[in-house]
C-alpha atoms as a PDB file:
ATOM      1  CA  UNK A   1     -70.654 -15.396 -55.810  1.00  0.00           C
ATOM      2  CA  UNK A   2     -71.794 -17.933 -58.390  1.00  0.00           C
ATOM      3  CA  UNK A   3     -74.778 -20.287 -58.140  1.00  0.00           C
ATOM      4  CA  UNK A   4     -75.880 -23.657 -59.523  1.00  0.00           C
ATOM      5  CA  UNK A   5     -79.107 -25.589 -58.990  1.00  0.00           C
ATOM      6  CA  UNK A   6     -78.615 -29.357 -58.544  1.00  0.00           C
ATOM      7  CA  UNK A   7     -81.726 -31.242 -59.685  1.00  0.00           C
ATOM      8  CA  UNK A   8     -82.486 -34.929 -59.089  1.00  0.00           C
ATOM      9  CA  UNK A   9     -85.030 -36.498 -61.425  1.00  0.00           C
ATOM     10  CA  UNK A  10     -85.934 -39.757 -63.190  1.00  0.00           C
ATOM     11  CA  UNK A  11     -86.978 -40.973 -66.646  1.00  0.00           C
ATOM     12  CA  UNK A  12     -86.860 -37.629 -68.432  1.00  0.00           C
ATOM     13  CA  UNK A  13     -87.124 -37.943 -72.231  1.00  0.00           C
ATOM     14  CA  UNK A  14     -86.921 -34.258 -73.215  1.00  0.00           C
ATOM     15  CA  UNK A  15     -86.174 -30.795 -71.812  1.00  0.00           C
ATOM     16  CA  UNK A  16     -89.679 -30.054 -70.492  1.00  0.00           C
ATOM     17  CA  UNK A  17     -88.440 -30.186 -66.893  1.00  0.00           C
ATOM     18  CA  UNK A  18     -86.760 -26.813 -67.436  1.00  0.00           C
ATOM     19  CA  UNK A  19     -90.100 -25.112 -68.020  1.00  0.00           C
ATOM     20  CA  UNK A  20     -92.013 -27.248 -65.513  1.00  0.00           C
ATOM     21  CA  UNK A  21     -89.626 -26.267 -62.720  1.00  0.00           C
ATOM     22  CA  UNK A  22     -89.141 -22.746 -64.143  1.00  0.00           C
ATOM     23  CA  UNK A  23     -85.366 -23.061 -63.999  1.00  0.00           C
ATOM     24  CA  UNK A  24     -83.726 -19.678 -64.635  1.00  0.00           C
ATOM     25  CA  UNK A  25     -80.177 -20.286 -63.414  1.00  0.00           C
ATOM     26  CA  UNK A  26     -77.165 -22.405 -64.181  1.00  0.00           C
ATOM     27  CA  UNK A  27     -78.115 -25.969 -63.306  1.00  0.00           C
ATOM     28  CA  UNK A  28     -76.944 -29.561 -63.256  1.00  0.00           C
ATOM     29  CA  UNK A  29     -79.711 -32.087 -63.874  1.00  0.00           C
ATOM     30  CA  UNK A  30     -79.167 -35.739 -62.987  1.00  0.00           C
ATOM     31  CA  UNK A  31     -81.680 -37.941 -64.798  1.00  0.00           C
ATOM     32  CA  UNK A  32     -81.711 -41.539 -63.543  1.00  0.00           C
ATOM     33  CA  UNK A  33     -83.079 -43.689 -66.343  1.00  0.00           C
ATOM     34  CA  UNK A  34     -82.047 -46.641 -68.553  1.00  0.00           C
ATOM     35  CA  UNK A  35     -79.200 -45.088 -70.546  1.00  0.00           C
ATOM     36  CA  UNK A  36     -76.099 -42.909 -70.202  1.00  0.00           C
ATOM     37  CA  UNK A  37     -75.783 -39.553 -71.942  1.00  0.00           C
ATOM     38  CA  UNK A  38     -74.644 -35.968 -71.493  1.00  0.00           C
ATOM     39  CA  UNK A  39     -75.896 -32.743 -73.034  1.00  0.00           C
ATOM     40  CA  UNK A  40     -75.133 -29.098 -72.409  1.00  0.00           C
ATOM     41  CA  UNK A  41     -77.942 -26.638 -73.080  1.00  0.00           C
ATOM     42  CA  UNK A  42     -78.208 -22.875 -73.046  1.00  0.00           C
ATOM     43  CA  UNK A  43     -81.433 -21.287 -71.824  1.00  0.00           C
ATOM     44  CA  UNK A  44     -81.898 -17.563 -71.261  1.00  0.00           C
ATOM     45  CA  UNK A  45     -78.154 -17.122 -71.109  1.00  0.00           C
ATOM     46  CA  UNK A  46     -77.752 -19.832 -68.467  1.00  0.00           C
ATOM     47  CA  UNK A  47     -75.876 -23.135 -68.806  1.00  0.00           C
ATOM     48  CA  UNK A  48     -77.756 -26.355 -68.153  1.00  0.00           C
ATOM     49  CA  UNK A  49     -75.746 -29.568 -67.870  1.00  0.00           C
ATOM     50  CA  UNK A  50     -78.065 -32.532 -68.426  1.00  0.00           C
ATOM     51  CA  UNK A  51     -76.691 -35.944 -67.415  1.00  0.00           C
ATOM     52  CA  UNK A  52     -78.495 -39.265 -67.797  1.00  0.00           C
ATOM     53  CA  UNK A  53     -77.297 -42.337 -65.884  1.00  0.00           C
ATOM     54  CA  UNK A  54     -78.473 -45.938 -65.732  1.00  0.00           C
ATOM     55  CA  UNK A  55     -78.543 -46.087 -61.936  1.00  0.00           C
ATOM     56  CA  UNK A  56     -80.852 -45.489 -58.985  1.00  0.00           C
ATOM     57  CA  UNK A  57     -80.748 -43.786 -55.581  1.00  0.00           C
ATOM     58  CA  UNK A  58     -81.502 -40.233 -54.466  1.00  0.00           C
ATOM     59  CA  UNK A  59     -78.299 -39.947 -52.435  1.00  0.00           C
ATOM     60  CA  UNK A  60     -76.287 -41.113 -55.442  1.00  0.00           C
ATOM     61  CA  UNK A  61     -78.115 -38.604 -57.647  1.00  0.00           C
ATOM     62  CA  UNK A  62     -77.360 -35.665 -55.374  1.00  0.00           C
ATOM     63  CA  UNK A  63     -73.720 -36.717 -54.969  1.00  0.00           C
ATOM     64  CA  UNK A  64     -73.359 -37.129 -58.737  1.00  0.00           C
ATOM     65  CA  UNK A  65     -74.606 -33.582 -59.267  1.00  0.00           C
ATOM     66  CA  UNK A  66     -72.424 -32.144 -56.508  1.00  0.00           C
ATOM     67  CA  UNK A  67     -69.300 -33.831 -57.891  1.00  0.00           C
ATOM     68  CA  UNK A  68     -69.801 -31.886 -61.123  1.00  0.00           C
ATOM     69  CA  UNK A  69     -70.689 -28.550 -59.540  1.00  0.00           C
ATOM     70  CA  UNK A  70     -68.311 -25.593 -59.768  1.00  0.00           C
ATOM     71  CA  UNK A  71     -70.302 -22.705 -58.254  1.00  0.00           C
ATOM     72  CA  UNK A  72     -69.680 -21.028 -54.913  1.00  0.00           C
ATOM     73  CA  UNK A  73     -73.256 -21.740 -53.783  1.00  0.00           C
ATOM     74  CA  UNK A  74     -75.165 -24.878 -54.775  1.00  0.00           C
ATOM     75  CA  UNK A  75     -78.784 -25.649 -53.991  1.00  0.00           C
ATOM     76  CA  UNK A  76     -80.332 -29.125 -54.039  1.00  0.00           C
ATOM     77  CA  UNK A  77     -83.732 -29.518 -55.711  1.00  0.00           C
ATOM     78  CA  UNK A  78     -86.309 -32.167 -56.584  1.00  0.00           C
ATOM     79  CA  UNK A  79     -88.187 -32.311 -59.863  1.00  0.00           C
ATOM     80  CA  UNK A  80     -91.576 -31.553 -58.285  1.00  0.00           C
ATOM     81  CA  UNK A  81     -90.485 -28.048 -57.287  1.00  0.00           C
ATOM     82  CA  UNK A  82     -91.815 -24.932 -59.034  1.00  0.00           C
ATOM     83  CA  UNK A  83     -89.152 -22.320 -58.437  1.00  0.00           C
ATOM     84  CA  UNK A  84     -89.852 -18.701 -57.591  1.00  0.00           C
ATOM     85  CA  UNK A  85     -88.940 -16.102 -60.248  1.00  0.00           C
ATOM     86  CA  UNK A  86     -86.094 -14.734 -58.100  1.00  0.00           C
ATOM     87  CA  UNK A  87     -84.795 -17.888 -56.411  1.00  0.00           C
ATOM     88  CA  UNK A  88     -81.179 -17.498 -57.538  1.00  0.00           C
ATOM     89  CA  UNK A  89     -80.910 -13.852 -56.502  1.00  0.00           C
ATOM     90  CA  UNK A  90     -82.682 -14.530 -53.199  1.00  0.00           C
ATOM     91  CA  UNK A  91     -80.329 -17.369 -52.272  1.00  0.00           C
ATOM     92  CA  UNK A  92     -77.196 -15.415 -53.150  1.00  0.00           C
ATOM     93  CA  UNK A  93     -78.384 -12.321 -51.264  1.00  0.00           C
ATOM     94  CA  UNK A  94     -79.088 -14.369 -48.140  1.00  0.00           C
ATOM     95  CA  UNK A  95     -75.594 -15.881 -48.162  1.00  0.00           C
ATOM     96  CA  UNK A  96     -74.055 -12.452 -48.748  1.00  0.00           C
ATOM     97  CA  UNK A  97     -76.055 -11.044 -45.833  1.00  0.00           C
ATOM     98  CA  UNK A  98     -75.048 -13.915 -43.546  1.00  0.00           C
ATOM     99  CA  UNK A  99     -71.355 -14.805 -43.927  1.00  0.00           C
ATOM    100  CA  UNK A 100     -71.661 -16.865 -40.730  1.00  0.00           C
ATOM    101  CA  UNK A 101     -73.911 -19.367 -42.540  1.00  0.00           C
ATOM    102  CA  UNK A 102     -72.325 -22.387 -44.202  1.00  0.00           C
ATOM    103  CA  UNK A 103     -75.704 -23.934 -45.013  1.00  0.00           C
ATOM    104  CA  UNK A 104     -79.147 -22.346 -45.326  1.00  0.00           C
ATOM    105  CA  UNK A 105     -82.484 -24.159 -45.360  1.00  0.00           C
ATOM    106  CA  UNK A 106     -84.905 -22.009 -47.358  1.00  0.00           C
ATOM    107  CA  UNK A 107     -88.672 -21.856 -47.156  1.00  0.00           C
ATOM    108  CA  UNK A 108     -90.751 -23.951 -49.556  1.00  0.00           C
ATOM    109  CA  UNK A 109     -94.514 -24.428 -49.584  1.00  0.00           C
ATOM    110  CA  UNK A 110     -96.492 -27.563 -50.393  1.00  0.00           C
ATOM    111  CA  UNK A 111     -99.252 -27.339 -52.995  1.00  0.00           C
ATOM    112  CA  UNK A 112    -100.814 -30.480 -51.494  1.00  0.00           C
ATOM    113  CA  UNK A 113    -102.806 -29.655 -48.331  1.00  0.00           C
ATOM    114  CA  UNK A 114    -102.603 -33.311 -47.280  1.00  0.00           C
ATOM    115  CA  UNK A 115     -98.800 -33.175 -47.209  1.00  0.00           C
ATOM    116  CA  UNK A 116     -97.853 -29.806 -45.645  1.00  0.00           C
ATOM    117  CA  UNK A 117     -94.265 -28.748 -45.052  1.00  0.00           C
ATOM    118  CA  UNK A 118     -92.708 -27.146 -42.009  1.00  0.00           C
ATOM    119  CA  UNK A 119     -93.022 -23.360 -42.148  1.00  0.00           C
ATOM    120  CA  UNK A 120     -90.029 -21.138 -41.445  1.00  0.00           C
ATOM    121  CA  UNK A 121     -90.959 -17.858 -39.755  1.00  0.00           C
ATOM    122  CA  UNK A 122     -87.581 -16.223 -39.128  1.00  0.00           C
ATOM    123  CA  UNK A 123     -83.872 -16.455 -39.873  1.00  0.00           C
ATOM    124  CA  UNK A 124     -82.275 -18.534 -37.126  1.00  0.00           C
ATOM    125  CA  UNK A 125     -79.666 -21.152 -36.431  1.00  0.00           C
ATOM    126  CA  UNK A 126     -80.647 -24.823 -36.663  1.00  0.00           C
ATOM    127  CA  UNK A 127     -79.466 -27.410 -34.144  1.00  0.00           C
ATOM    128  CA  UNK A 128     -79.402 -31.183 -34.223  1.00  0.00           C
ATOM    129  CA  UNK A 129     -82.940 -31.712 -32.994  1.00  0.00           C
ATOM    130  CA  UNK A 130     -84.581 -29.229 -35.353  1.00  0.00           C
ATOM    131  CA  UNK A 131     -82.513 -30.481 -38.299  1.00  0.00           C
ATOM    132  CA  UNK A 132     -84.409 -33.777 -38.074  1.00  0.00           C
ATOM    133  CA  UNK A 133     -87.469 -31.980 -39.469  1.00  0.00           C
ATOM    134  CA  UNK A 134     -86.002 -30.809 -42.794  1.00  0.00           C
ATOM    135  CA  UNK A 135     -85.198 -32.353 -46.161  1.00  0.00           C
ATOM    136  CA  UNK A 136     -82.487 -31.561 -48.689  1.00  0.00           C
ATOM    137  CA  UNK A 137     -84.850 -30.098 -51.299  1.00  0.00           C
ATOM    138  CA  UNK A 138     -84.567 -26.634 -49.745  1.00  0.00           C
ATOM    139  CA  UNK A 139     -80.902 -26.742 -48.797  1.00  0.00           C
ATOM    140  CA  UNK A 140     -78.211 -24.452 -50.207  1.00  0.00           C
ATOM    141  CA  UNK A 141     -74.579 -24.704 -49.173  1.00  0.00           C
ATOM    142  CA  UNK A 142     -71.199 -23.113 -49.678  1.00  0.00           C
ATOM    143  CA  UNK A 143     -69.706 -25.786 -51.932  1.00  0.00           C
ATOM    144  CA  UNK A 144     -66.165 -25.597 -50.592  1.00  0.00           C
ATOM    145  CA  UNK A 145     -67.404 -26.294 -47.060  1.00  0.00           C
ATOM    146  CA  UNK A 146     -68.529 -29.748 -48.159  1.00  0.00           C
ATOM    147  CA  UNK A 147     -65.326 -30.324 -50.103  1.00  0.00           C
ATOM    148  CA  UNK A 148     -62.990 -29.400 -47.247  1.00  0.00           C
ATOM    149  CA  UNK A 149     -64.929 -31.584 -44.813  1.00  0.00           C
ATOM    150  CA  UNK A 150     -65.232 -34.442 -47.333  1.00  0.00           C
ATOM    151  CA  UNK A 151     -69.006 -34.619 -46.878  1.00  0.00           C
ATOM    152  CA  UNK A 152     -71.536 -36.372 -49.107  1.00  0.00           C
ATOM    153  CA  UNK A 153     -74.958 -37.983 -48.886  1.00  0.00           C
ATOM    154  CA  UNK A 154     -75.367 -41.549 -47.669  1.00  0.00           C
ATOM    155  CA  UNK A 155     -75.953 -44.206 -50.331  1.00  0.00           C
ATOM    156  CA  UNK A 156     -77.777 -46.389 -47.789  1.00  0.00           C
ATOM    157  CA  UNK A 157     -80.821 -44.172 -47.291  1.00  0.00           C
ATOM    158  CA  UNK A 158     -83.469 -42.645 -49.550  1.00  0.00           C
ATOM    159  CA  UNK A 159     -85.491 -43.693 -52.579  1.00  0.00           C
ATOM    160  CA  UNK A 160     -83.703 -46.400 -54.562  1.00  0.00           C
ATOM    161  CA  UNK A 161     -81.405 -47.323 -51.645  1.00  0.00           C
ATOM    162  CA  UNK A 162     -81.391 -50.133 -49.071  1.00  0.00           C
ATOM    163  CA  UNK A 163     -83.358 -48.110 -46.525  1.00  0.00           C
ATOM    164  CA  UNK A 164     -86.445 -46.340 -47.850  1.00  0.00           C
ATOM    165  CA  UNK A 165     -85.867 -42.772 -46.663  1.00  0.00           C
ATOM    166  CA  UNK A 166     -83.732 -40.516 -44.504  1.00  0.00           C
ATOM    167  CA  UNK A 167     -80.717 -39.572 -46.615  1.00  0.00           C
ATOM    168  CA  UNK A 168     -81.384 -35.898 -45.882  1.00  0.00           C
ATOM    169  CA  UNK A 169     -81.721 -36.498 -42.137  1.00  0.00           C
ATOM    170  CA  UNK A 170     -78.380 -38.309 -41.967  1.00  0.00           C
ATOM    171  CA  UNK A 171     -76.728 -35.675 -44.168  1.00  0.00           C
ATOM    172  CA  UNK A 172     -77.827 -32.740 -42.010  1.00  0.00           C
ATOM    173  CA  UNK A 173     -76.659 -34.498 -38.843  1.00  0.00           C
ATOM    174  CA  UNK A 174     -73.268 -35.140 -40.448  1.00  0.00           C
ATOM    175  CA  UNK A 175     -72.986 -31.471 -41.440  1.00  0.00           C
ATOM    176  CA  UNK A 176     -73.625 -30.436 -37.852  1.00  0.00           C
ATOM    177  CA  UNK A 177     -71.218 -33.065 -36.503  1.00  0.00           C
ATOM    178  CA  UNK A 178     -68.527 -31.664 -38.825  1.00  0.00           C
ATOM    179  CA  UNK A 179     -69.048 -28.237 -37.289  1.00  0.00           C
ATOM    180  CA  UNK A 180     -70.853 -26.519 -40.149  1.00  0.00           C
ATOM    181  CA  UNK A 181     -73.223 -23.698 -39.221  1.00  0.00           C
ATOM    182  CA  UNK A 182     -76.756 -24.384 -40.481  1.00  0.00           C
ATOM    183  CA  UNK A 183     -79.392 -21.671 -40.578  1.00  0.00           C
ATOM    184  CA  UNK A 184     -83.010 -21.496 -41.739  1.00  0.00           C
ATOM    185  CA  UNK A 185     -84.494 -18.651 -43.775  1.00  0.00           C
ATOM    186  CA  UNK A 186     -88.119 -17.561 -44.280  1.00  0.00           C
ATOM    187  CA  UNK A 187     -87.346 -16.570 -47.880  1.00  0.00           C
ATOM    188  CA  UNK A 188     -89.461 -18.735 -50.160  1.00  0.00           C
ATOM    189  CA  UNK A 189     -87.612 -20.278 -53.101  1.00  0.00           C
ATOM    190  CA  UNK A 190     -90.220 -22.710 -54.438  1.00  0.00           C
ATOM    191  CA  UNK A 191     -93.575 -24.404 -54.253  1.00  0.00           C
ATOM    192  CA  UNK A 192     -93.588 -28.204 -54.156  1.00  0.00           C
ATOM    193  CA  UNK A 193     -96.267 -30.400 -55.727  1.00  0.00           C
ATOM    194  CA  UNK A 194     -95.949 -33.190 -53.122  1.00  0.00           C
ATOM    195  CA  UNK A 195     -98.230 -35.487 -55.137  1.00  0.00           C
ATOM    196  CA  UNK A 196     -96.352 -38.763 -54.860  1.00  0.00           C
ATOM    197  CA  UNK A 197     -93.375 -40.479 -53.275  1.00  0.00           C
ATOM    198  CA  UNK A 198     -90.850 -42.701 -55.020  1.00  0.00           C
ATOM    199  CA  UNK A 199     -90.108 -44.693 -51.852  1.00  0.00           C
ATOM    200  CA  UNK A 200     -93.228 -44.919 -49.687  1.00  0.00           C
ATOM    201  CA  UNK A 201     -95.028 -48.267 -50.073  1.00  0.00           C
ATOM    202  CA  UNK A 202     -97.190 -48.034 -46.972  1.00  0.00           C
ATOM    203  CA  UNK A 203     -96.666 -48.570 -43.259  1.00  0.00           C
ATOM    204  CA  UNK A 204     -95.109 -52.002 -43.653  1.00  0.00           C
ATOM    205  CA  UNK A 205     -92.758 -53.839 -41.297  1.00  0.00           C
ATOM    206  CA  UNK A 206     -89.886 -52.775 -43.538  1.00  0.00           C
ATOM    207  CA  UNK A 207     -90.944 -49.142 -43.198  1.00  0.00           C
ATOM    208  CA  UNK A 208     -90.591 -49.267 -39.398  1.00  0.00           C
ATOM    209  CA  UNK A 209     -87.376 -51.302 -39.483  1.00  0.00           C
ATOM    210  CA  UNK A 210     -85.906 -48.792 -41.936  1.00  0.00           C
ATOM    211  CA  UNK A 211     -86.837 -45.999 -39.544  1.00  0.00           C
ATOM    212  CA  UNK A 212     -84.940 -47.820 -36.814  1.00  0.00           C
ATOM    213  CA  UNK A 213     -81.876 -47.980 -39.060  1.00  0.00           C
ATOM    214  CA  UNK A 214     -82.247 -44.267 -39.691  1.00  0.00           C
ATOM    215  CA  UNK A 215     -82.356 -43.545 -35.950  1.00  0.00           C
ATOM    216  CA  UNK A 216     -79.141 -45.546 -35.525  1.00  0.00           C
ATOM    217  CA  UNK A 217     -77.380 -43.662 -38.319  1.00  0.00           C
ATOM    218  CA  UNK A 218     -78.559 -40.151 -37.455  1.00  0.00           C
ATOM    219  CA  UNK A 219     -78.341 -40.335 -33.648  1.00  0.00           C
ATOM    220  CA  UNK A 220     -76.241 -43.357 -32.659  1.00  0.00           C
ATOM    221  CA  UNK A 221     -76.012 -42.490 -28.972  1.00  0.00           C
ATOM    222  CA  UNK A 222     -79.680 -41.682 -28.575  1.00  0.00           C
ATOM    223  CA  UNK A 223     -81.356 -44.041 -31.043  1.00  0.00           C
ATOM    224  CA  UNK A 224     -83.125 -46.418 -28.627  1.00  0.00           C
ATOM    225  CA  UNK A 225     -84.566 -43.572 -26.562  1.00  0.00           C
ATOM    226  CA  UNK A 226     -85.611 -41.727 -29.713  1.00  0.00           C
ATOM    227  CA  UNK A 227     -87.326 -44.893 -30.989  1.00  0.00           C
ATOM    228  CA  UNK A 228     -89.325 -45.160 -27.769  1.00  0.00           C
ATOM    229  CA  UNK A 229     -90.293 -41.483 -27.872  1.00  0.00           C
ATOM    230  CA  UNK A 230     -91.285 -41.742 -31.548  1.00  0.00           C
ATOM    231  CA  UNK A 231     -93.407 -44.829 -30.928  1.00  0.00           C
ATOM    232  CA  UNK A 232     -95.175 -43.117 -28.026  1.00  0.00           C
ATOM    233  CA  UNK A 233     -95.744 -39.903 -29.985  1.00  0.00           C
ATOM    234  CA  UNK A 234     -96.929 -41.387 -33.275  1.00  0.00           C
ATOM    235  CA  UNK A 235     -98.873 -44.371 -31.918  1.00  0.00           C
ATOM    236  CA  UNK A 236    -101.139 -43.207 -29.127  1.00  0.00           C
ATOM    237  CA  UNK A 237    -102.618 -46.648 -28.454  1.00  0.00           C
ATOM    238  CA  UNK A 238    -100.307 -48.812 -26.303  1.00  0.00           C
ATOM    239  CA  UNK A 239    -100.924 -51.919 -28.426  1.00  0.00           C
ATOM    240  CA  UNK A 240     -99.926 -50.011 -31.576  1.00  0.00           C
ATOM    241  CA  UNK A 241     -96.763 -48.621 -29.995  1.00  0.00           C
ATOM    242  CA  UNK A 242     -95.803 -52.087 -28.740  1.00  0.00           C
ATOM    243  CA  UNK A 243     -96.174 -53.413 -32.277  1.00  0.00           C
ATOM    244  CA  UNK A 244     -93.859 -50.915 -33.989  1.00  0.00           C
ATOM    245  CA  UNK A 245     -91.245 -50.566 -31.250  1.00  0.00           C
ATOM    246  CA  UNK A 246     -89.707 -54.049 -31.807  1.00  0.00           C
ATOM    247  CA  UNK A 247     -89.422 -53.177 -35.511  1.00  0.00           C
ATOM    248  CA  UNK A 248     -87.606 -49.945 -34.674  1.00  0.00           C
ATOM    249  CA  UNK A 249     -85.274 -51.914 -32.399  1.00  0.00           C
ATOM    250  CA  UNK A 250     -84.755 -54.542 -35.095  1.00  0.00           C
ATOM    251  CA  UNK A 251     -83.644 -51.874 -37.570  1.00  0.00           C
ATOM    252  CA  UNK A 252     -81.338 -50.300 -34.988  1.00  0.00           C
ATOM    253  CA  UNK A 253     -79.687 -53.621 -34.137  1.00  0.00           C
ATOM    254  CA  UNK A 254     -79.223 -54.630 -37.762  1.00  0.00           C
ATOM    255  CA  UNK A 255     -77.667 -51.279 -38.655  1.00  0.00           C
ATOM    256  CA  UNK A 256     -75.283 -51.371 -35.703  1.00  0.00           C
ATOM    257  CA  UNK A 257     -74.296 -54.965 -36.476  1.00  0.00           C
ATOM    258  CA  UNK A 258     -73.494 -54.016 -40.067  1.00  0.00           C
ATOM    259  CA  UNK A 259     -71.354 -51.145 -38.815  1.00  0.00           C
ATOM    260  CA  UNK A 260     -69.412 -53.554 -36.635  1.00  0.00           C
ATOM    261  CA  UNK A 261     -69.088 -56.140 -39.407  1.00  0.00           C
ATOM    262  CA  UNK A 262     -71.188 -58.690 -37.559  1.00  0.00           C
ATOM    263  CA  UNK A 263     -71.224 -62.217 -38.979  1.00  0.00           C
ATOM    264  CA  UNK A 264     -74.972 -62.718 -38.678  1.00  0.00           C
ATOM    265  CA  UNK A 265     -75.953 -60.019 -41.235  1.00  0.00           C
END
């Protein structure tokens, strides 16, 4: 099997990202910036395709990389990851050992104690509820599975898009809905700096409305109940929960109206 790393980044002016991330495999790097360019580099016998585009959006970036991928196994990555020395071999071995897996979520560790990541203790299948907890920057997939199911990331969600986050949540739910088998693996492929976010501007009204839109997209038949449960879980004080719940509902309604082509949007 062949492997490519698909990296999303912004405003790169040189090749330092290769050393910063410790990339040691074939890779496609999508650099969102203010110009358009393409370069092909060779590093340690590996081929690095470096694309620059004058555009924004994390979902668009990941789709742009995937459209150019040719490997059997592709893994999505963010530019704040520091890859393990054996990440490529580890990913390929795990797919070879588990032919039943279409998608594998690998273990990554946060270097920021204030922003920890969910720990994976054992290899196991992932269902719809658990998939809500993971992001794409640990996800590897059999490329042809996405092609044959015509799957891609939403352009509505995530940094640089209309709604501030959630492109990975929607994507994983769509993979499951299409019948793909998602598993999680305790094998660690990277550390993550987790020092800043390109989309988070604070707990504003837009933040909560965007979350409502995400609930509507990821779990359309369960979104109102999930909004209530989320408000109760994350906002222990009744007055706080009552404040955010209408914003969740607002985001849900607006998303559903857009889906239906409502006139008042």
